[in-house]
PDB file of N, CA and C in Angstrom:
ATOM      1  N   UNK A   1       0.857  -1.132  -0.131  1.00  0.00           N
ATOM      2  CA  UNK A   1       0.012   0.037  -0.157  1.00  0.00           C
ATOM      3  C   UNK A   1       0.872   1.048  -0.012  1.00  0.00           C
ATOM      4  N   UNK A   2       1.925   1.355   0.721  1.00  0.00           N
ATOM      5  CA  UNK A   2       2.910   2.427   0.742  1.00  0.00           C
ATOM      6  C   UNK A   2       3.559   2.670  -0.487  1.00  0.00           C
ATOM      7  N   UNK A   3       3.993   1.610  -1.316  1.00  0.00           N
ATOM      8  CA  UNK A   3       4.410   1.703  -2.753  1.00  0.00           C
ATOM      9  C   UNK A   3       3.290   2.180  -3.637  1.00  0.00           C
ATOM     10  N   UNK A   4       2.204   1.742  -3.464  1.00  0.00           N
ATOM     11  CA  UNK A   4       1.082   2.416  -4.338  1.00  0.00           C
ATOM     12  C   UNK A   4       0.850   3.679  -4.131  1.00  0.00           C
ATOM     13  N   UNK A   5       0.732   4.132  -2.953  1.00  0.00           N
ATOM     14  CA  UNK A   5       0.739   5.638  -2.478  1.00  0.00           C
ATOM     15  C   UNK A   5       1.916   6.560  -3.043  1.00  0.00           C
ATOM     16  N   UNK A   6       3.160   6.051  -2.879  1.00  0.00           N
ATOM     17  CA  UNK A   6       4.265   6.623  -3.328  1.00  0.00           C
ATOM     18  C   UNK A   6       4.446   6.879  -4.976  1.00  0.00           C
ATOM     19  N   UNK A   7       4.058   5.789  -5.585  1.00  0.00           N
ATOM     20  CA  UNK A   7       4.003   5.581  -6.958  1.00  0.00           C
ATOM     21  C   UNK A   7       3.258   6.751  -7.471  1.00  0.00           C
ATOM     22  N   UNK A   8       1.844   6.786  -6.673  1.00  0.00           N
ATOM     23  CA  UNK A   8       0.757   7.613  -7.401  1.00  0.00           C
ATOM     24  C   UNK A   8       1.117   9.459  -7.037  1.00  0.00           C
ATOM     25  N   UNK A   9       2.093   9.658  -5.664  1.00  0.00           N
ATOM     26  CA  UNK A   9       2.567  10.653  -5.687  1.00  0.00           C
ATOM     27  C   UNK A   9       3.533  11.147  -6.618  1.00  0.00           C
ATOM     28  N   UNK A  10       4.375  10.462  -7.004  1.00  0.00           N
ATOM     29  CA  UNK A  10       5.420  10.313  -8.080  1.00  0.00           C
ATOM     30  C   UNK A  10       4.476  10.877  -9.444  1.00  0.00           C
ATOM     31  N   UNK A  11       3.872  10.172 -10.019  1.00  0.00           N
ATOM     32  CA  UNK A  11       2.949  10.177 -10.883  1.00  0.00           C
ATOM     33  C   UNK A  11       2.203  11.570 -11.023  1.00  0.00           C
ATOM     34  N   UNK A  12       1.727  11.968  -9.809  1.00  0.00           N
ATOM     35  CA  UNK A  12       1.126  13.572  -9.854  1.00  0.00           C
ATOM     36  C   UNK A  12       2.139  14.579  -9.586  1.00  0.00           C
ATOM     37  N   UNK A  13       3.433  14.347  -9.480  1.00  0.00           N
ATOM     38  CA  UNK A  13       4.269  15.422  -9.232  1.00  0.00           C
ATOM     39  C   UNK A  13       4.606  16.171 -10.928  1.00  0.00           C
ATOM     40  N   UNK A  14       5.066  17.470 -10.379  1.00  0.00           N
ATOM     41  CA  UNK A  14       5.122  18.191 -11.834  1.00  0.00           C
ATOM     42  C   UNK A  14       6.397  17.660 -12.560  1.00  0.00           C
ATOM     43  N   UNK A  15       7.498  17.267 -11.605  1.00  0.00           N
ATOM     44  CA  UNK A  15       8.574  16.586 -12.479  1.00  0.00           C
ATOM     45  C   UNK A  15       8.449  15.632 -13.125  1.00  0.00           C
ATOM     46  N   UNK A  16       7.301  14.785 -12.859  1.00  0.00           N
ATOM     47  CA  UNK A  16       6.959  13.472 -13.748  1.00  0.00           C
ATOM     48  C   UNK A  16       6.389  14.090 -14.835  1.00  0.00           C
ATOM     49  N   UNK A  17       5.324  15.110 -14.765  1.00  0.00           N
ATOM     50  CA  UNK A  17       4.695  15.428 -15.968  1.00  0.00           C
ATOM     51  C   UNK A  17       5.716  16.294 -17.018  1.00  0.00           C
ATOM     52  N   UNK A  18       6.558  17.076 -16.551  1.00  0.00           N
ATOM     53  CA  UNK A  18       7.736  17.608 -17.232  1.00  0.00           C
ATOM     54  C   UNK A  18       8.384  16.558 -18.045  1.00  0.00           C
ATOM     55  N   UNK A  19       8.828  15.521 -17.288  1.00  0.00           N
ATOM     56  CA  UNK A  19       9.734  14.361 -17.607  1.00  0.00           C
ATOM     57  C   UNK A  19       8.789  13.823 -18.956  1.00  0.00           C
ATOM     58  N   UNK A  20       7.612  13.188 -18.976  1.00  0.00           N
ATOM     59  CA  UNK A  20       6.919  12.693 -19.911  1.00  0.00           C
ATOM     60  C   UNK A  20       6.915  13.594 -21.007  1.00  0.00           C
ATOM     61  N   UNK A  21       6.485  14.889 -20.716  1.00  0.00           N
ATOM     62  CA  UNK A  21       6.359  16.084 -21.835  1.00  0.00           C
ATOM     63  C   UNK A  21       7.744  16.338 -22.736  1.00  0.00           C
ATOM     64  N   UNK A  22       8.727  16.246 -22.027  1.00  0.00           N
ATOM     65  CA  UNK A  22      10.004  16.281 -22.559  1.00  0.00           C
ATOM     66  C   UNK A  22      10.358  14.822 -23.643  1.00  0.00           C
ATOM     67  N   UNK A  23       9.727  13.567 -22.911  1.00  0.00           N
ATOM     68  CA  UNK A  23      10.048  12.626 -23.816  1.00  0.00           C
ATOM     69  C   UNK A  23       8.854  12.755 -25.213  1.00  0.00           C
ATOM     70  N   UNK A  24       8.029  13.231 -24.978  1.00  0.00           N
ATOM     71  CA  UNK A  24       6.923  13.313 -25.982  1.00  0.00           C
ATOM     72  C   UNK A  24       7.660  14.349 -27.165  1.00  0.00           C
ATOM     73  N   UNK A  25       8.120  15.493 -26.686  1.00  0.00           N
ATOM     74  CA  UNK A  25       8.974  16.225 -27.479  1.00  0.00           C
ATOM     75  C   UNK A  25      10.040  15.545 -28.204  1.00  0.00           C
ATOM     76  N   UNK A  26      10.715  14.887 -27.310  1.00  0.00           N
ATOM     77  CA  UNK A  26      11.905  14.078 -28.209  1.00  0.00           C
ATOM     78  C   UNK A  26      11.699  13.217 -29.098  1.00  0.00           C
ATOM     79  N   UNK A  27      10.331  12.279 -28.849  1.00  0.00           N
ATOM     80  CA  UNK A  27       9.806  11.385 -29.736  1.00  0.00           C
ATOM     81  C   UNK A  27       9.392  12.277 -31.078  1.00  0.00           C
ATOM     82  N   UNK A  28       8.448  13.344 -30.937  1.00  0.00           N
ATOM     83  CA  UNK A  28       8.039  14.110 -31.967  1.00  0.00           C
ATOM     84  C   UNK A  28       9.362  14.692 -32.972  1.00  0.00           C
ATOM     85  N   UNK A  29      10.567  15.106 -32.205  1.00  0.00           N
ATOM     86  CA  UNK A  29      11.774  15.412 -33.199  1.00  0.00           C
ATOM     87  C   UNK A  29      12.161  14.288 -33.704  1.00  0.00           C
ATOM     88  N   UNK A  30      12.265  13.249 -33.234  1.00  0.00           N
ATOM     89  CA  UNK A  30      12.954  11.778 -33.870  1.00  0.00           C
ATOM     90  C   UNK A  30      12.008  11.560 -35.065  1.00  0.00           C
ATOM     91  N   UNK A  31      10.634  11.589 -34.854  1.00  0.00           N
ATOM     92  CA  UNK A  31       9.864  11.259 -35.871  1.00  0.00           C
ATOM     93  C   UNK A  31      10.221  12.187 -37.131  1.00  0.00           C
ATOM     94  N   UNK A  32      10.249  13.618 -36.694  1.00  0.00           N
ATOM     95  CA  UNK A  32      10.338  14.562 -37.798  1.00  0.00           C
ATOM     96  C   UNK A  32      11.772  14.473 -38.716  1.00  0.00           C
ATOM     97  N   UNK A  33      12.678  14.157 -37.830  1.00  0.00           N
ATOM     98  CA  UNK A  33      13.857  14.102 -38.631  1.00  0.00           C
ATOM     99  C   UNK A  33      14.138  12.780 -39.299  1.00  0.00           C
ATOM    100  N   UNK A  34      13.287  11.682 -39.138  1.00  0.00           N
ATOM    101  CA  UNK A  34      13.554  10.638 -39.239  1.00  0.00           C
ATOM    102  C   UNK A  34      13.755  10.313 -40.985  1.00  0.00           C
ATOM    103  N   UNK A  35      12.784  11.039 -41.815  1.00  0.00           N
ATOM    104  CA  UNK A  35      12.671  11.329 -43.022  1.00  0.00           C
ATOM    105  C   UNK A  35      14.001  11.895 -43.961  1.00  0.00           C
ATOM    106  N   UNK A  36      14.803  12.427 -43.112  1.00  0.00           N
ATOM    107  CA  UNK A  36      16.128  13.164 -43.452  1.00  0.00           C
ATOM    108  C   UNK A  36      17.163  12.107 -43.524  1.00  0.00           C
ATOM    109  N   UNK A  37      17.145  10.815 -43.288  1.00  0.00           N
ATOM    110  CA  UNK A  37      18.105   9.945 -42.924  1.00  0.00           C
ATOM    111  C   UNK A  37      17.660   8.430 -43.684  1.00  0.00           C
ATOM    112  N   UNK A  38      17.376   8.393 -44.890  1.00  0.00           N
ATOM    113  CA  UNK A  38      16.706   7.274 -45.714  1.00  0.00           C
ATOM    114  C   UNK A  38      17.506   6.093 -45.755  1.00  0.00           C
ATOM    115  N   UNK A  39      18.743   6.070 -45.115  1.00  0.00           N
ATOM    116  CA  UNK A  39      19.625   4.867 -45.233  1.00  0.00           C
ATOM    117  C   UNK A  39      18.818   3.664 -44.281  1.00  0.00           C
ATOM    118  N   UNK A  40      18.830   2.444 -44.599  1.00  0.00           N
ATOM    119  CA  UNK A  40      18.476   1.412 -44.042  1.00  0.00           C
ATOM    120  C   UNK A  40      18.803   1.425 -42.599  1.00  0.00           C
ATOM    121  N   UNK A  41      20.097   1.361 -42.430  1.00  0.00           N
ATOM    122  CA  UNK A  41      20.813   1.358 -41.209  1.00  0.00           C
ATOM    123  C   UNK A  41      20.055   2.400 -40.342  1.00  0.00           C
ATOM    124  N   UNK A  42      19.930   3.582 -40.914  1.00  0.00           N
ATOM    125  CA  UNK A  42      19.110   4.890 -39.966  1.00  0.00           C
ATOM    126  C   UNK A  42      17.879   4.484 -39.507  1.00  0.00           C
ATOM    127  N   UNK A  43      17.152   3.906 -40.624  1.00  0.00           N
ATOM    128  CA  UNK A  43      15.785   3.688 -40.469  1.00  0.00           C
ATOM    129  C   UNK A  43      15.672   2.386 -39.301  1.00  0.00           C
ATOM    130  N   UNK A  44      16.602   1.625 -39.311  1.00  0.00           N
ATOM    131  CA  UNK A  44      16.681   0.517 -38.305  1.00  0.00           C
ATOM    132  C   UNK A  44      16.791   1.169 -36.872  1.00  0.00           C
ATOM    133  N   UNK A  45      17.841   2.349 -36.851  1.00  0.00           N
ATOM    134  CA  UNK A  45      18.082   2.782 -35.388  1.00  0.00           C
ATOM    135  C   UNK A  45      16.536   3.581 -35.204  1.00  0.00           C
ATOM    136  N   UNK A  46      16.313   4.409 -35.883  1.00  0.00           N
ATOM    137  CA  UNK A  46      14.623   4.817 -35.579  1.00  0.00           C
ATOM    138  C   UNK A  46      14.043   3.956 -35.204  1.00  0.00           C
ATOM    139  N   UNK A  47      13.591   2.970 -35.967  1.00  0.00           N
ATOM    140  CA  UNK A  47      12.861   1.997 -35.550  1.00  0.00           C
ATOM    141  C   UNK A  47      12.965   1.550 -34.101  1.00  0.00           C
ATOM    142  N   UNK A  48      14.179   1.279 -33.694  1.00  0.00           N
ATOM    143  CA  UNK A  48      14.423   0.857 -32.291  1.00  0.00           C
ATOM    144  C   UNK A  48      13.931   1.971 -31.247  1.00  0.00           C
ATOM    145  N   UNK A  49      14.359   3.365 -31.589  1.00  0.00           N
ATOM    146  CA  UNK A  49      14.358   4.356 -31.005  1.00  0.00           C
ATOM    147  C   UNK A  49      12.674   4.495 -30.586  1.00  0.00           C
ATOM    148  N   UNK A  50      11.907   4.354 -31.762  1.00  0.00           N
ATOM    149  CA  UNK A  50      10.306   4.504 -31.379  1.00  0.00           C
ATOM    150  C   UNK A  50      10.025   3.343 -30.767  1.00  0.00           C
ATOM    151  N   UNK A  51      10.494   2.161 -30.669  1.00  0.00           N
ATOM    152  CA  UNK A  51      10.070   1.035 -29.657  1.00  0.00           C
ATOM    153  C   UNK A  51      10.158   1.413 -28.132  1.00  0.00           C
ATOM    154  N   UNK A  52      11.616   1.928 -28.125  1.00  0.00           N
ATOM    155  CA  UNK A  52      11.874   2.634 -26.847  1.00  0.00           C
ATOM    156  C   UNK A  52      10.658   3.429 -26.111  1.00  0.00           C
ATOM    157  N   UNK A  53      10.333   4.395 -27.050  1.00  0.00           N
ATOM    158  CA  UNK A  53       9.461   5.456 -26.861  1.00  0.00           C
ATOM    159  C   UNK A  53       7.961   4.786 -26.322  1.00  0.00           C
ATOM    160  N   UNK A  54       7.608   4.168 -27.445  1.00  0.00           N
ATOM    161  CA  UNK A  54       6.309   3.380 -27.049  1.00  0.00           C
ATOM    162  C   UNK A  54       6.182   2.352 -25.887  1.00  0.00           C
ATOM    163  N   UNK A  55       7.291   1.928 -25.397  1.00  0.00           N
ATOM    164  CA  UNK A  55       7.458   0.836 -24.228  1.00  0.00           C
ATOM    165  C   UNK A  55       7.229   1.928 -23.169  1.00  0.00           C
ATOM    166  N   UNK A  56       8.318   3.137 -23.183  1.00  0.00           N
ATOM    167  CA  UNK A  56       8.059   3.965 -22.002  1.00  0.00           C
ATOM    168  C   UNK A  56       6.735   4.619 -21.842  1.00  0.00           C
ATOM    169  N   UNK A  57       6.025   5.024 -22.901  1.00  0.00           N
ATOM    170  CA  UNK A  57       4.442   5.577 -22.651  1.00  0.00           C
ATOM    171  C   UNK A  57       3.397   4.488 -22.403  1.00  0.00           C
ATOM    172  N   UNK A  58       3.834   3.175 -22.730  1.00  0.00           N
ATOM    173  CA  UNK A  58       2.965   2.026 -22.122  1.00  0.00           C
ATOM    174  C   UNK A  58       3.415   1.823 -20.853  1.00  0.00           C
ATOM    175  N   UNK A  59       4.299   2.054 -20.294  1.00  0.00           N
ATOM    176  CA  UNK A  59       4.812   1.758 -18.794  1.00  0.00           C
ATOM    177  C   UNK A  59       4.152   3.093 -18.113  1.00  0.00           C
ATOM    178  N   UNK A  60       4.144   4.350 -18.821  1.00  0.00           N
ATOM    179  CA  UNK A  60       3.537   5.244 -17.835  1.00  0.00           C
ATOM    180  C   UNK A  60       2.109   4.991 -17.930  1.00  0.00           C
ATOM    181  N   UNK A  61       1.086   4.458 -18.931  1.00  0.00           N
ATOM    182  CA  UNK A  61      -0.095   4.161 -18.816  1.00  0.00           C
ATOM    183  C   UNK A  61      -0.365   3.278 -17.842  1.00  0.00           C
ATOM    184  N   UNK A  62       0.326   2.207 -17.857  1.00  0.00           N
ATOM    185  CA  UNK A  62       0.084   0.975 -16.920  1.00  0.00           C
ATOM    186  C   UNK A  62       0.351   1.405 -15.440  1.00  0.00           C
ATOM    187  N   UNK A  63       1.557   2.206 -15.320  1.00  0.00           N
ATOM    188  CA  UNK A  63       1.734   2.607 -14.000  1.00  0.00           C
ATOM    189  C   UNK A  63       0.370   3.541 -13.276  1.00  0.00           C
ATOM    190  N   UNK A  64       0.101   4.598 -14.192  1.00  0.00           N
ATOM    191  CA  UNK A  64      -0.918   5.128 -13.880  1.00  0.00           C
ATOM    192  C   UNK A  64      -2.354   4.460 -13.197  1.00  0.00           C
ATOM    193  N   UNK A  65      -2.756   3.746 -14.379  1.00  0.00           N
ATOM    194  CA  UNK A  65      -3.672   2.596 -14.223  1.00  0.00           C
ATOM    195  C   UNK A  65      -3.529   1.787 -12.786  1.00  0.00           C
ATOM    196  N   UNK A  66      -2.488   1.109 -12.477  1.00  0.00           N
ATOM    197  CA  UNK A  66      -2.177   0.514 -11.249  1.00  0.00           C
ATOM    198  C   UNK A  66      -2.165   1.634 -10.051  1.00  0.00           C
ATOM    199  N   UNK A  67      -1.808   2.923 -10.202  1.00  0.00           N
ATOM    200  CA  UNK A  67      -1.636   3.611  -9.117  1.00  0.00           C
ATOM    201  C   UNK A  67      -3.134   4.097  -8.628  1.00  0.00           C
ATOM    202  N   UNK A  68      -3.440   4.713  -9.683  1.00  0.00           N
ATOM    203  CA  UNK A  68      -5.087   5.346  -9.464  1.00  0.00           C
ATOM    204  C   UNK A  68      -6.189   4.502  -9.681  1.00  0.00           C
ATOM    205  N   UNK A  69      -6.110   3.460 -10.341  1.00  0.00           N
ATOM    206  CA  UNK A  69      -7.139   2.414 -10.498  1.00  0.00           C
ATOM    207  C   UNK A  69      -7.777   2.754 -11.784  1.00  0.00           C
ATOM    208  N   UNK A  70      -8.170   1.693 -12.400  1.00  0.00           N
ATOM    209  CA  UNK A  70      -8.330   1.851 -13.802  1.00  0.00           C
ATOM    210  C   UNK A  70      -9.721   3.011 -14.059  1.00  0.00           C
ATOM    211  N   UNK A  71     -10.772   3.045 -13.304  1.00  0.00           N
ATOM    212  CA  UNK A  71     -11.909   3.895 -13.360  1.00  0.00           C
ATOM    213  C   UNK A  71     -11.529   5.217 -13.106  1.00  0.00           C
ATOM    214  N   UNK A  72     -10.313   5.213 -12.154  1.00  0.00           N
ATOM    215  CA  UNK A  72     -10.026   6.733 -11.729  1.00  0.00           C
ATOM    216  C   UNK A  72      -9.215   7.404 -12.948  1.00  0.00           C
ATOM    217  N   UNK A  73      -8.463   6.356 -13.368  1.00  0.00           N
ATOM    218  CA  UNK A  73      -7.460   6.706 -14.751  1.00  0.00           C
ATOM    219  C   UNK A  73      -8.319   7.202 -15.858  1.00  0.00           C
ATOM    220  N   UNK A  74      -9.506   6.650 -16.305  1.00  0.00           N
ATOM    221  CA  UNK A  74     -10.461   7.024 -17.369  1.00  0.00           C
ATOM    222  C   UNK A  74     -11.254   8.231 -16.714  1.00  0.00           C
ATOM    223  N   UNK A  75     -11.306   8.552 -15.933  1.00  0.00           N
ATOM    224  CA  UNK A  75     -12.089   9.828 -15.368  1.00  0.00           C
ATOM    225  C   UNK A  75     -11.679  10.998 -16.289  1.00  0.00           C
ATOM    226  N   UNK A  76     -10.240  11.010 -16.419  1.00  0.00           N
ATOM    227  CA  UNK A  76      -9.473  12.273 -16.869  1.00  0.00           C
ATOM    228  C   UNK A  76      -9.510  12.009 -18.450  1.00  0.00           C
ATOM    229  N   UNK A  77     -10.048  13.148 -19.144  1.00  0.00           N
ATOM    230  CA  UNK A  77     -10.076  13.267 -20.567  1.00  0.00           C
ATOM    231  C   UNK A  77      -8.739  13.098 -20.896  1.00  0.00           C
ATOM    232  N   UNK A  78      -8.032  13.898 -20.560  1.00  0.00           N
ATOM    233  CA  UNK A  78      -6.334  13.671 -20.999  1.00  0.00           C
ATOM    234  C   UNK A  78      -5.877  12.172 -20.967  1.00  0.00           C
ATOM    235  N   UNK A  79      -6.159  11.698 -19.801  1.00  0.00           N
ATOM    236  CA  UNK A  79      -5.851  10.166 -19.795  1.00  0.00           C
ATOM    237  C   UNK A  79      -6.485   9.202 -20.830  1.00  0.00           C
ATOM    238  N   UNK A  80      -7.685   9.285 -21.030  1.00  0.00           N
ATOM    239  CA  UNK A  80      -8.541   8.827 -22.284  1.00  0.00           C
ATOM    240  C   UNK A  80      -7.639   8.864 -23.451  1.00  0.00           C
ATOM    241  N   UNK A  81      -7.480  10.307 -23.914  1.00  0.00           N
ATOM    242  CA  UNK A  81      -6.782  10.505 -25.156  1.00  0.00           C
ATOM    243  C   UNK A  81      -5.381   9.911 -24.965  1.00  0.00           C
ATOM    244  N   UNK A  82      -4.629  10.006 -24.064  1.00  0.00           N
ATOM    245  CA  UNK A  82      -3.274   9.451 -23.786  1.00  0.00           C
ATOM    246  C   UNK A  82      -3.154   7.924 -24.256  1.00  0.00           C
ATOM    247  N   UNK A  83      -4.255   7.260 -23.643  1.00  0.00           N
ATOM    248  CA  UNK A  83      -4.356   5.976 -23.709  1.00  0.00           C
ATOM    249  C   UNK A  83      -4.628   5.278 -25.018  1.00  0.00           C
ATOM    250  N   UNK A  84      -5.617   6.165 -25.715  1.00  0.00           N
ATOM    251  CA  UNK A  84      -5.814   5.642 -27.220  1.00  0.00           C
ATOM    252  C   UNK A  84      -4.628   6.124 -28.193  1.00  0.00           C
ATOM    253  N   UNK A  85      -3.861   7.087 -27.871  1.00  0.00           N
ATOM    254  CA  UNK A  85      -2.861   7.415 -28.663  1.00  0.00           C
ATOM    255  C   UNK A  85      -1.506   6.239 -28.393  1.00  0.00           C
ATOM    256  N   UNK A  86      -1.474   6.123 -27.206  1.00  0.00           N
ATOM    257  CA  UNK A  86      -0.321   4.896 -26.845  1.00  0.00           C
ATOM    258  C   UNK A  86      -0.757   3.481 -27.371  1.00  0.00           C
ATOM    259  N   UNK A  87      -2.039   3.281 -27.208  1.00  0.00           N
ATOM    260  CA  UNK A  87      -2.857   1.880 -27.755  1.00  0.00           C
ATOM    261  C   UNK A  87      -2.394   1.959 -29.204  1.00  0.00           C
ATOM    262  N   UNK A  88      -3.021   3.173 -30.213  1.00  0.00           N
ATOM    263  CA  UNK A  88      -2.652   3.054 -31.319  1.00  0.00           C
ATOM    264  C   UNK A  88      -1.128   2.810 -31.880  1.00  0.00           C
ATOM    265  N   UNK A  89      -0.212   3.521 -31.052  1.00  0.00           N
ATOM    266  CA  UNK A  89       1.348   3.383 -31.148  1.00  0.00           C
ATOM    267  C   UNK A  89       1.796   2.291 -31.376  1.00  0.00           C
ATOM    268  N   UNK A  90       1.285   1.302 -30.151  1.00  0.00           N
ATOM    269  CA  UNK A  90       1.420  -0.177 -29.872  1.00  0.00           C
ATOM    270  C   UNK A  90       1.082  -1.021 -30.944  1.00  0.00           C
ATOM    271  N   UNK A  91      -0.057  -0.829 -31.304  1.00  0.00           N
ATOM    272  CA  UNK A  91      -0.755  -1.635 -32.355  1.00  0.00           C
ATOM    273  C   UNK A  91       0.023  -0.943 -33.980  1.00  0.00           C
ATOM    274  N   UNK A  92       0.495   0.156 -33.878  1.00  0.00           N
ATOM    275  CA  UNK A  92       1.168   0.257 -35.183  1.00  0.00           C
ATOM    276  C   UNK A  92       2.470  -0.315 -35.353  1.00  0.00           C
ATOM    277  N   UNK A  93       3.230  -0.454 -34.008  1.00  0.00           N
ATOM    278  CA  UNK A  93       4.329  -1.147 -34.039  1.00  0.00           C
ATOM    279  C   UNK A  93       4.257  -2.581 -34.144  1.00  0.00           C
ATOM    280  N   UNK A  94       3.045  -3.327 -33.916  1.00  0.00           N
ATOM    281  CA  UNK A  94       3.036  -4.680 -34.012  1.00  0.00           C
ATOM    282  C   UNK A  94       2.797  -4.952 -35.446  1.00  0.00           C
ATOM    283  N   UNK A  95       1.684  -3.952 -36.326  1.00  0.00           N
ATOM    284  CA  UNK A  95       1.697  -3.981 -37.525  1.00  0.00           C
ATOM    285  C   UNK A  95       2.952  -3.787 -38.426  1.00  0.00           C
ATOM    286  N   UNK A  96       3.649  -3.040 -38.070  1.00  0.00           N
ATOM    287  CA  UNK A  96       4.770  -2.603 -38.984  1.00  0.00           C
ATOM    288  C   UNK A  96       5.572  -4.091 -38.976  1.00  0.00           C
ATOM    289  N   UNK A  97       5.709  -4.614 -37.526  1.00  0.00           N
ATOM    290  CA  UNK A  97       6.644  -5.850 -37.357  1.00  0.00           C
ATOM    291  C   UNK A  97       5.943  -7.146 -38.238  1.00  0.00           C
ATOM    292  N   UNK A  98       4.747  -7.086 -38.289  1.00  0.00           N
ATOM    293  CA  UNK A  98       3.907  -8.472 -38.565  1.00  0.00           C
ATOM    294  C   UNK A  98       3.563  -8.319 -40.293  1.00  0.00           C
ATOM    295  N   UNK A  99       3.122  -7.116 -40.834  1.00  0.00           N
ATOM    296  CA  UNK A  99       2.585  -7.177 -42.157  1.00  0.00           C
ATOM    297  C   UNK A  99       3.431  -5.774 -42.765  1.00  0.00           C
ATOM    298  N   UNK A 100       4.342  -4.905 -42.190  1.00  0.00           N
ATOM    299  CA  UNK A 100       4.983  -3.993 -42.650  1.00  0.00           C
ATOM    300  C   UNK A 100       4.007  -3.015 -43.406  1.00  0.00           C
ATOM    301  N   UNK A 101       3.272  -2.296 -42.600  1.00  0.00           N
ATOM    302  CA  UNK A 101       2.374  -1.086 -42.961  1.00  0.00           C
ATOM    303  C   UNK A 101       3.077   0.128 -43.381  1.00  0.00           C
ATOM    304  N   UNK A 102       4.514   0.124 -43.205  1.00  0.00           N
ATOM    305  CA  UNK A 102       5.203   1.265 -43.644  1.00  0.00           C
ATOM    306  C   UNK A 102       5.000   1.396 -45.004  1.00  0.00           C
ATOM    307  N   UNK A 103       4.806   0.438 -46.019  1.00  0.00           N
ATOM    308  CA  UNK A 103       4.729   0.504 -47.303  1.00  0.00           C
ATOM    309  C   UNK A 103       3.213   1.265 -47.950  1.00  0.00           C
ATOM    310  N   UNK A 104       2.324   1.103 -47.132  1.00  0.00           N
ATOM    311  CA  UNK A 104       1.062   2.070 -47.165  1.00  0.00           C
ATOM    312  C   UNK A 104       1.093   3.399 -46.736  1.00  0.00           C
ATOM    313  N   UNK A 105       2.164   3.725 -45.922  1.00  0.00           N
ATOM    314  CA  UNK A 105       2.268   5.096 -45.404  1.00  0.00           C
ATOM    315  C   UNK A 105       1.623   5.449 -44.062  1.00  0.00           C
ATOM    316  N   UNK A 106       1.079   4.681 -43.468  1.00  0.00           N
ATOM    317  CA  UNK A 106       0.198   4.838 -42.475  1.00  0.00           C
ATOM    318  C   UNK A 106       1.056   5.016 -41.090  1.00  0.00           C
ATOM    319  N   UNK A 107       0.735   6.086 -40.324  1.00  0.00           N
ATOM    320  CA  UNK A 107       1.363   6.337 -39.178  1.00  0.00           C
ATOM    321  C   UNK A 107       0.638   6.912 -38.054  1.00  0.00           C
ATOM    322  N   UNK A 108       0.596   6.471 -36.831  1.00  0.00           N
ATOM    323  CA  UNK A 108      -0.267   7.035 -35.941  1.00  0.00           C
ATOM    324  C   UNK A 108       0.441   8.162 -35.163  1.00  0.00           C
ATOM    325  N   UNK A 109       1.652   8.552 -35.129  1.00  0.00           N
ATOM    326  CA  UNK A 109       2.109   9.552 -34.657  1.00  0.00           C
ATOM    327  C   UNK A 109       2.878  10.573 -35.807  1.00  0.00           C
TER     328      UNK A 109
END
């Protein structure tokens, strides 16, 4: 119970919010510059960077659901939006790896 309340306090902190916002900004920058590096090697690196970002964002959503409870988590409109963006990003990663949707030009972010 103490771990749960400590986790909730961290997740509610301005520091955590700023950290996540910074990661979103970094993710946006990497997505924006990805097209400037068309080599297969660079695209592979960007692919792994994207996997890392999505994993961090999935962890953020999971921690919030655990710490606040699922029903409390979904009371926030921002959390609902965040959940669906993260879910769509995770689905996109799975589809890229299984059926290579890159050739279609579809991207969530």
